[in-house]
All heavy atoms as atom14 arrays in JSON, in Angstrom:
{
  "sequence": "RAVMDWRMHRAVGVAIRAADPVATPGRPVVVGLGAGPL",
  "atom14_mask": [
    [1, 1, 1, 1, 1, 1, 1, 1, 1, 1, 1, 0, 0, 0],
    [1, 1, 1, 1, 1, 0, 0, 0, 0, 0, 0, 0, 0, 0],
    [1, 1, 1, 1, 1, 1, 1, 0, 0, 0, 0, 0, 0, 0],
    [1, 1, 1, 1, 1, 1, 1, 1, 0, 0, 0, 0, 0, 0],
    [1, 1, 1, 1, 1, 1, 1, 1, 0, 0, 0, 0, 0, 0],
    [1, 1, 1, 1, 1, 1, 1, 1, 1, 1, 1, 1, 1, 1],
    [1, 1, 1, 1, 1, 1, 1, 1, 1, 1, 1, 0, 0, 0],
    [1, 1, 1, 1, 1, 1, 1, 1, 0, 0, 0, 0, 0, 0],
    [1, 1, 1, 1, 1, 1, 1, 1, 1, 1, 0, 0, 0, 0],
    [1, 1, 1, 1, 1, 1, 1, 1, 1, 1, 1, 0, 0, 0],
    [1, 1, 1, 1, 1, 0, 0, 0, 0, 0, 0, 0, 0, 0],
    [1, 1, 1, 1, 1, 1, 1, 0, 0, 0, 0, 0, 0, 0],
    [1, 1, 1, 1, 0, 0, 0, 0, 0, 0, 0, 0, 0, 0],
    [1, 1, 1, 1, 1, 1, 1, 0, 0, 0, 0, 0, 0, 0],
    [1, 1, 1, 1, 1, 0, 0, 0, 0, 0, 0, 0, 0, 0],
    [1, 1, 1, 1, 1, 1, 1, 1, 0, 0, 0, 0, 0, 0],
    [1, 1, 1, 1, 1, 1, 1, 1, 1, 1, 1, 0, 0, 0],
    [1, 1, 1, 1, 1, 0, 0, 0, 0, 0, 0, 0, 0, 0],
    [1, 1, 1, 1, 1, 0, 0, 0, 0, 0, 0, 0, 0, 0],
    [1, 1, 1, 1, 1, 1, 1, 1, 0, 0, 0, 0, 0, 0],
    [1, 1, 1, 1, 1, 1, 1, 0, 0, 0, 0, 0, 0, 0],
    [1, 1, 1, 1, 1, 1, 1, 0, 0, 0, 0, 0, 0, 0],
    [1, 1, 1, 1, 1, 0, 0, 0, 0, 0, 0, 0, 0, 0],
    [1, 1, 1, 1, 1, 1, 1, 0, 0, 0, 0, 0, 0, 0],
    [1, 1, 1, 1, 1, 1, 1, 0, 0, 0, 0, 0, 0, 0],
    [1, 1, 1, 1, 0, 0, 0, 0, 0, 0, 0, 0, 0, 0],
    [1, 1, 1, 1, 1, 1, 1, 1, 1, 1, 1, 0, 0, 0],
    [1, 1, 1, 1, 1, 1, 1, 0, 0, 0, 0, 0, 0, 0],
    [1, 1, 1, 1, 1, 1, 1, 0, 0, 0, 0, 0, 0, 0],
    [1, 1, 1, 1, 1, 1, 1, 0, 0, 0, 0, 0, 0, 0],
    [1, 1, 1, 1, 1, 1, 1, 0, 0, 0, 0, 0, 0, 0],
    [1, 1, 1, 1, 0, 0, 0, 0, 0, 0, 0, 0, 0, 0],
    [1, 1, 1, 1, 1, 1, 1, 1, 0, 0, 0, 0, 0, 0],
    [1, 1, 1, 1, 0, 0, 0, 0, 0, 0, 0, 0, 0, 0],
    [1, 1, 1, 1, 1, 0, 0, 0, 0, 0, 0, 0, 0, 0],
    [1, 1, 1, 1, 0, 0, 0, 0, 0, 0, 0, 0, 0, 0],
    [1, 1, 1, 1, 1, 1, 1, 0, 0, 0, 0, 0, 0, 0],
    [1, 1, 1, 1, 1, 1, 1, 1, 0, 0, 0, 0, 0, 0]
  ],
  "atom14_positions": [
    [[-0.75, -7.87, 11.79], [-1.64, -6.8, 11.58], [-0.9, -5.72, 10.71], [-1.49, -5.19, 9.77], [-2.09, -6.13, 12.84], [-3.27, -6.83, 13.55], [-3.85, -6.09, 14.68], [-2.99, -5.69, 15.65], [-2.68, -6.42, 16.76], [-3.17, -7.64, 16.82], [-1.76, -6.0, 17.67], [0.0, 0.0, 0.0], [0.0, 0.0, 0.0], [0.0, 0.0, 0.0]],
    [[0.33, -5.38, 11.06], [1.04, -4.36, 10.24], [1.3, -4.86, 8.81], [1.32, -3.94, 7.91], [2.48, -4.09, 10.9], [0.0, 0.0, 0.0], [0.0, 0.0, 0.0], [0.0, 0.0, 0.0], [0.0, 0.0, 0.0], [0.0, 0.0, 0.0], [0.0, 0.0, 0.0], [0.0, 0.0, 0.0], [0.0, 0.0, 0.0], [0.0, 0.0, 0.0]],
    [[1.4, -6.09, 8.57], [1.48, -6.53, 7.22], [0.1, -6.49, 6.49], [0.1, -5.99, 5.33], [2.07, -8.07, 7.17], [1.92, -8.65, 5.79], [3.57, -8.13, 7.57], [0.0, 0.0, 0.0], [0.0, 0.0, 0.0], [0.0, 0.0, 0.0], [0.0, 0.0, 0.0], [0.0, 0.0, 0.0], [0.0, 0.0, 0.0], [0.0, 0.0, 0.0]],
    [[-0.84, -6.96, 7.09], [-2.13, -6.95, 6.52], [-2.82, -5.63, 6.32], [-3.57, -5.49, 5.39], [-3.08, -7.89, 7.34], [-2.6, -9.4, 7.35], [-2.41, -10.15, 5.66], [-4.2, -10.24, 5.26], [0.0, 0.0, 0.0], [0.0, 0.0, 0.0], [0.0, 0.0, 0.0], [0.0, 0.0, 0.0], [0.0, 0.0, 0.0], [0.0, 0.0, 0.0]],
    [[-2.45, -4.68, 7.14], [-3.16, -3.34, 6.99], [-2.3, -2.36, 6.25], [-2.64, -1.19, 6.34], [-3.72, -2.78, 8.38], [-2.65, -2.41, 9.33], [-1.38, -2.27, 8.9], [-2.96, -2.21, 10.58], [0.0, 0.0, 0.0], [0.0, 0.0, 0.0], [0.0, 0.0, 0.0], [0.0, 0.0, 0.0], [0.0, 0.0, 0.0], [0.0, 0.0, 0.0]],
    [[-1.34, -2.75, 5.61], [-0.47, -1.86, 4.77], [0.52, -1.01, 5.46], [1.26, -0.34, 4.86], [-1.31, -1.07, 3.74], [-2.37, -1.79, 3.04], [-3.6, -1.8, 3.12], [-2.04, -2.83, 1.95], [-4.36, -2.69, 2.27], [-3.33, -3.19, 1.54], [-0.94, -3.24, 1.35], [-3.53, -4.25, 0.51], [-1.14, -4.24, 0.37], [-2.38, -4.68, 0.01]],
    [[0.49, -1.13, 6.93], [1.46, -0.19, 7.57], [2.92, -0.57, 7.23], [3.74, 0.35, 7.24], [1.24, -0.36, 9.04], [0.15, 0.57, 9.59], [-0.03, 0.38, 11.16], [-0.47, -0.93, 11.38], [-0.24, -1.54, 12.56], [0.42, -0.99, 13.51], [-0.71, -2.82, 12.67], [0.0, 0.0, 0.0], [0.0, 0.0, 0.0], [0.0, 0.0, 0.0]],
    [[3.2, -1.78, 7.07], [4.59, -2.21, 6.77], [4.99, -1.5, 5.5], [6.08, -0.91, 5.4], [4.76, -3.69, 6.64], [6.19, -4.13, 6.1], [6.28, -5.89, 5.69], [5.22, -5.87, 4.15], [0.0, 0.0, 0.0], [0.0, 0.0, 0.0], [0.0, 0.0, 0.0], [0.0, 0.0, 0.0], [0.0, 0.0, 0.0], [0.0, 0.0, 0.0]],
    [[4.17, -1.63, 4.47], [4.51, -0.97, 3.11], [4.7, 0.42, 3.3], [5.74, 1.01, 2.76], [3.39, -1.28, 2.13], [3.57, -2.7, 1.55], [3.11, -3.8, 2.26], [3.96, -3.12, 0.37], [3.31, -4.88, 1.48], [3.8, -4.47, 0.39], [0.0, 0.0, 0.0], [0.0, 0.0, 0.0], [0.0, 0.0, 0.0], [0.0, 0.0, 0.0]],
    [[3.86, 1.08, 3.98], [3.92, 2.55, 4.15], [5.16, 2.97, 4.94], [5.89, 3.97, 4.71], [2.68, 3.16, 4.78], [1.54, 3.1, 3.84], [0.14, 3.65, 4.47], [-0.88, 3.67, 3.5], [-1.99, 2.94, 3.53], [-2.19, 2.16, 4.5], [-2.87, 3.07, 2.59], [0.0, 0.0, 0.0], [0.0, 0.0, 0.0], [0.0, 0.0, 0.0]],
    [[5.56, 2.09, 5.92], [6.72, 2.43, 6.72], [7.95, 2.28, 5.93], [9.0, 2.93, 6.36], [6.7, 1.56, 7.94], [0.0, 0.0, 0.0], [0.0, 0.0, 0.0], [0.0, 0.0, 0.0], [0.0, 0.0, 0.0], [0.0, 0.0, 0.0], [0.0, 0.0, 0.0], [0.0, 0.0, 0.0], [0.0, 0.0, 0.0], [0.0, 0.0, 0.0]],
    [[8.06, 1.51, 4.9], [9.33, 1.4, 4.09], [9.35, 2.48, 3.07], [10.33, 2.61, 2.29], [9.46, 0.0, 3.46], [9.5, -1.08, 4.5], [8.34, -0.31, 2.49], [0.0, 0.0, 0.0], [0.0, 0.0, 0.0], [0.0, 0.0, 0.0], [0.0, 0.0, 0.0], [0.0, 0.0, 0.0], [0.0, 0.0, 0.0], [0.0, 0.0, 0.0]],
    [[8.32, 3.37, 3.09], [8.42, 4.62, 2.15], [7.79, 4.44, 0.84], [7.94, 5.28, -0.11], [0.0, 0.0, 0.0], [0.0, 0.0, 0.0], [0.0, 0.0, 0.0], [0.0, 0.0, 0.0], [0.0, 0.0, 0.0], [0.0, 0.0, 0.0], [0.0, 0.0, 0.0], [0.0, 0.0, 0.0], [0.0, 0.0, 0.0], [0.0, 0.0, 0.0]],
    [[6.76, 3.46, 0.73], [6.09, 3.4, -0.54], [4.63, 3.84, -0.27], [4.11, 3.75, 0.86], [6.01, 1.9, -1.11], [7.38, 1.41, -1.47], [5.31, 0.93, -0.18], [0.0, 0.0, 0.0], [0.0, 0.0, 0.0], [0.0, 0.0, 0.0], [0.0, 0.0, 0.0], [0.0, 0.0, 0.0], [0.0, 0.0, 0.0], [0.0, 0.0, 0.0]],
    [[4.07, 4.47, -1.3], [2.71, 5.0, -1.18], [1.81, 3.77, -1.52], [2.09, 3.06, -2.39], [2.41, 6.12, -2.11], [0.0, 0.0, 0.0], [0.0, 0.0, 0.0], [0.0, 0.0, 0.0], [0.0, 0.0, 0.0], [0.0, 0.0, 0.0], [0.0, 0.0, 0.0], [0.0, 0.0, 0.0], [0.0, 0.0, 0.0], [0.0, 0.0, 0.0]],
    [[0.75, 3.62, -0.74], [-0.22, 2.52, -1.12], [-1.54, 3.14, -1.25], [-2.06, 3.99, -0.44], [-0.32, 1.59, 0.15], [0.95, 0.82, 0.32], [-1.45, 0.65, 0.07], [1.26, -0.2, -0.67], [0.0, 0.0, 0.0], [0.0, 0.0, 0.0], [0.0, 0.0, 0.0], [0.0, 0.0, 0.0], [0.0, 0.0, 0.0], [0.0, 0.0, 0.0]],
    [[-2.2, 2.77, -2.35], [-3.61, 3.15, -2.63], [-4.33, 1.94, -2.75], [-4.2, 1.12, -3.76], [-3.76, 3.99, -3.84], [-5.17, 4.71, -3.94], [-5.28, 5.62, -5.1], [-5.35, 4.97, -6.27], [-4.59, 5.27, -7.4], [-3.75, 6.22, -7.37], [-4.72, 4.59, -8.48], [0.0, 0.0, 0.0], [0.0, 0.0, 0.0], [0.0, 0.0, 0.0]],
    [[-5.07, 1.43, -1.7], [-5.69, 0.21, -1.61], [-7.18, 0.32, -1.61], [-7.73, 1.33, -1.07], [-5.2, -0.65, -0.38], [0.0, 0.0, 0.0], [0.0, 0.0, 0.0], [0.0, 0.0, 0.0], [0.0, 0.0, 0.0], [0.0, 0.0, 0.0], [0.0, 0.0, 0.0], [0.0, 0.0, 0.0], [0.0, 0.0, 0.0], [0.0, 0.0, 0.0]],
    [[-7.87, -0.58, -2.23], [-9.41, -0.64, -2.23], [-9.96, -0.86, -0.89], [-11.1, -0.5, -0.62], [-9.83, -1.6, -3.21], [0.0, 0.0, 0.0], [0.0, 0.0, 0.0], [0.0, 0.0, 0.0], [0.0, 0.0, 0.0], [0.0, 0.0, 0.0], [0.0, 0.0, 0.0], [0.0, 0.0, 0.0], [0.0, 0.0, 0.0], [0.0, 0.0, 0.0]],
    [[-9.19, -1.64, -0.05], [-9.6, -1.97, 1.25], [-8.57, -1.65, 2.36], [-7.4, -1.58, 2.08], [-9.97, -3.47, 1.39], [-11.07, -3.78, 0.39], [-12.22, -3.5, 0.63], [-10.74, -4.51, -0.63], [0.0, 0.0, 0.0], [0.0, 0.0, 0.0], [0.0, 0.0, 0.0], [0.0, 0.0, 0.0], [0.0, 0.0, 0.0], [0.0, 0.0, 0.0]],
    [[-8.95, -1.46, 3.64], [-8.03, -1.11, 4.65], [-7.21, -2.31, 5.02], [-6.1, -2.16, 5.68], [-8.97, -0.68, 5.85], [-10.3, -1.29, 5.53], [-10.36, -1.45, 4.13], [0.0, 0.0, 0.0], [0.0, 0.0, 0.0], [0.0, 0.0, 0.0], [0.0, 0.0, 0.0], [0.0, 0.0, 0.0], [0.0, 0.0, 0.0], [0.0, 0.0, 0.0]],
    [[-7.49, -3.46, 4.59], [-6.54, -4.66, 4.82], [-6.44, -5.39, 3.47], [-7.48, -5.35, 2.69], [-7.08, -5.63, 5.89], [-7.07, -4.95, 7.25], [-8.46, -6.14, 5.61], [0.0, 0.0, 0.0], [0.0, 0.0, 0.0], [0.0, 0.0, 0.0], [0.0, 0.0, 0.0], [0.0, 0.0, 0.0], [0.0, 0.0, 0.0], [0.0, 0.0, 0.0]],
    [[-5.46, -6.21, 3.3], [-5.31, -6.97, 2.06], [-6.38, -7.93, 1.93], [-6.72, -8.63, 2.86], [-3.97, -7.73, 2.14], [0.0, 0.0, 0.0], [0.0, 0.0, 0.0], [0.0, 0.0, 0.0], [0.0, 0.0, 0.0], [0.0, 0.0, 0.0], [0.0, 0.0, 0.0], [0.0, 0.0, 0.0], [0.0, 0.0, 0.0], [0.0, 0.0, 0.0]],
    [[-7.14, -7.88, 0.78], [-8.33, -8.67, 0.53], [-8.22, -9.28, -0.85], [-8.08, -8.56, -1.87], [-9.6, -7.74, 0.67], [-9.55, -7.19, 2.0], [-10.87, -8.58, 0.5], [0.0, 0.0, 0.0], [0.0, 0.0, 0.0], [0.0, 0.0, 0.0], [0.0, 0.0, 0.0], [0.0, 0.0, 0.0], [0.0, 0.0, 0.0], [0.0, 0.0, 0.0]],
    [[-8.34, -10.66, -0.94], [-8.15, -11.24, -2.27], [-9.24, -10.68, -3.29], [-10.35, -10.37, -2.98], [-8.56, -12.71, -1.92], [-8.2, -12.9, -0.45], [-8.6, -11.58, 0.1], [0.0, 0.0, 0.0], [0.0, 0.0, 0.0], [0.0, 0.0, 0.0], [0.0, 0.0, 0.0], [0.0, 0.0, 0.0], [0.0, 0.0, 0.0], [0.0, 0.0, 0.0]],
    [[-8.62, -10.42, -4.44], [-9.47, -9.99, -5.58], [-9.51, -8.46, -5.68], [-10.11, -7.94, -6.57], [0.0, 0.0, 0.0], [0.0, 0.0, 0.0], [0.0, 0.0, 0.0], [0.0, 0.0, 0.0], [0.0, 0.0, 0.0], [0.0, 0.0, 0.0], [0.0, 0.0, 0.0], [0.0, 0.0, 0.0], [0.0, 0.0, 0.0], [0.0, 0.0, 0.0]],
    [[-8.93, -7.76, -4.71], [-9.02, -6.43, -4.63], [-7.75, -5.72, -5.1], [-6.66, -6.22, -4.81], [-9.44, -5.98, -3.13], [-10.74, -6.53, -2.72], [-11.92, -6.13, -3.49], [-12.09, -4.64, -3.05], [-12.87, -3.83, -3.63], [-13.4, -4.11, -4.83], [-13.07, -2.61, -3.14], [0.0, 0.0, 0.0], [0.0, 0.0, 0.0], [0.0, 0.0, 0.0]],
    [[-7.87, -4.54, -5.74], [-6.74, -3.87, -6.35], [-6.0, -3.13, -5.26], [-6.51, -2.65, -4.19], [-7.29, -2.93, -7.38], [-8.59, -2.59, -6.84], [-9.12, -3.87, -6.21], [0.0, 0.0, 0.0], [0.0, 0.0, 0.0], [0.0, 0.0, 0.0], [0.0, 0.0, 0.0], [0.0, 0.0, 0.0], [0.0, 0.0, 0.0], [0.0, 0.0, 0.0]],
    [[-4.7, -2.9, -5.51], [-3.79, -2.01, -4.71], [-2.82, -1.4, -5.7], [-2.26, -2.11, -6.6], [-3.08, -2.77, -3.52], [-2.24, -3.92, -4.03], [-2.3, -1.74, -2.75], [0.0, 0.0, 0.0], [0.0, 0.0, 0.0], [0.0, 0.0, 0.0], [0.0, 0.0, 0.0], [0.0, 0.0, 0.0], [0.0, 0.0, 0.0], [0.0, 0.0, 0.0]],
    [[-2.52, -0.15, -5.58], [-1.41, 0.48, -6.36], [-0.34, 0.82, -5.51], [-0.48, 1.67, -4.44], [-1.99, 1.76, -7.16], [-0.87, 2.36, -7.91], [-3.07, 1.31, -7.98], [0.0, 0.0, 0.0], [0.0, 0.0, 0.0], [0.0, 0.0, 0.0], [0.0, 0.0, 0.0], [0.0, 0.0, 0.0], [0.0, 0.0, 0.0], [0.0, 0.0, 0.0]],
    [[0.85, 0.3, -5.8], [2.09, 0.62, -4.97], [2.83, 1.78, -5.71], [2.9, 1.75, -6.94], [2.96, -0.6, -4.93], [4.23, -0.33, -4.17], [2.21, -1.71, -4.32], [0.0, 0.0, 0.0], [0.0, 0.0, 0.0], [0.0, 0.0, 0.0], [0.0, 0.0, 0.0], [0.0, 0.0, 0.0], [0.0, 0.0, 0.0], [0.0, 0.0, 0.0]],
    [[3.16, 2.86, -4.89], [3.87, 3.99, -5.51], [5.18, 4.09, -5.0], [5.39, 4.11, -3.94], [0.0, 0.0, 0.0], [0.0, 0.0, 0.0], [0.0, 0.0, 0.0], [0.0, 0.0, 0.0], [0.0, 0.0, 0.0], [0.0, 0.0, 0.0], [0.0, 0.0, 0.0], [0.0, 0.0, 0.0], [0.0, 0.0, 0.0], [0.0, 0.0, 0.0]],
    [[6.11, 4.08, -5.96], [7.57, 4.2, -5.5], [8.13, 5.5, -6.08], [7.87, 5.87, -7.29], [8.43, 3.06, -6.23], [7.85, 1.6, -5.89], [8.57, 0.61, -6.79], [8.12, 1.31, -4.42], [0.0, 0.0, 0.0], [0.0, 0.0, 0.0], [0.0, 0.0, 0.0], [0.0, 0.0, 0.0], [0.0, 0.0, 0.0], [0.0, 0.0, 0.0]],
    [[8.93, 6.21, -5.2], [9.42, 7.46, -5.72], [8.6, 8.55, -5.14], [7.68, 8.36, -4.42], [0.0, 0.0, 0.0], [0.0, 0.0, 0.0], [0.0, 0.0, 0.0], [0.0, 0.0, 0.0], [0.0, 0.0, 0.0], [0.0, 0.0, 0.0], [0.0, 0.0, 0.0], [0.0, 0.0, 0.0], [0.0, 0.0, 0.0], [0.0, 0.0, 0.0]],
    [[8.83, 9.79, -5.76], [8.14, 10.98, -5.28], [7.75, 11.87, -6.42], [8.41, 11.81, -7.45], [8.97, 11.7, -4.26], [0.0, 0.0, 0.0], [0.0, 0.0, 0.0], [0.0, 0.0, 0.0], [0.0, 0.0, 0.0], [0.0, 0.0, 0.0], [0.0, 0.0, 0.0], [0.0, 0.0, 0.0], [0.0, 0.0, 0.0], [0.0, 0.0, 0.0]],
    [[6.72, 12.55, -6.19], [6.2, 13.63, -7.16], [6.04, 13.07, -8.6], [5.56, 12.01, -8.72], [0.0, 0.0, 0.0], [0.0, 0.0, 0.0], [0.0, 0.0, 0.0], [0.0, 0.0, 0.0], [0.0, 0.0, 0.0], [0.0, 0.0, 0.0], [0.0, 0.0, 0.0], [0.0, 0.0, 0.0], [0.0, 0.0, 0.0], [0.0, 0.0, 0.0]],
    [[6.49, 13.74, -9.65], [6.23, 13.43, -11.0], [7.06, 12.17, -11.36], [6.76, 11.63, -12.38], [6.74, 14.58, -11.82], [7.49, 15.39, -10.96], [7.19, 15.12, -9.53], [0.0, 0.0, 0.0], [0.0, 0.0, 0.0], [0.0, 0.0, 0.0], [0.0, 0.0, 0.0], [0.0, 0.0, 0.0], [0.0, 0.0, 0.0], [0.0, 0.0, 0.0]],
    [[8.11, 11.83, -10.45], [8.91, 10.68, -10.87], [8.39, 9.36, -10.13], [8.97, 8.35, -10.25], [10.36, 10.93, -10.29], [11.12, 12.04, -11.06], [12.53, 12.22, -10.39], [11.18, 11.84, -12.52], [0.0, 0.0, 0.0], [0.0, 0.0, 0.0], [0.0, 0.0, 0.0], [0.0, 0.0, 0.0], [0.0, 0.0, 0.0], [0.0, 0.0, 0.0]]
  ]
}
């Protein structure tokens, strides 16, 4: 569940902007690394 609902990614310190609350084929997700303007 933690892998599929993006909690794992968020817990490692990356920002996740996903189209769905769980990983869904064909749907976009933007992974954000770093902070602020960087």
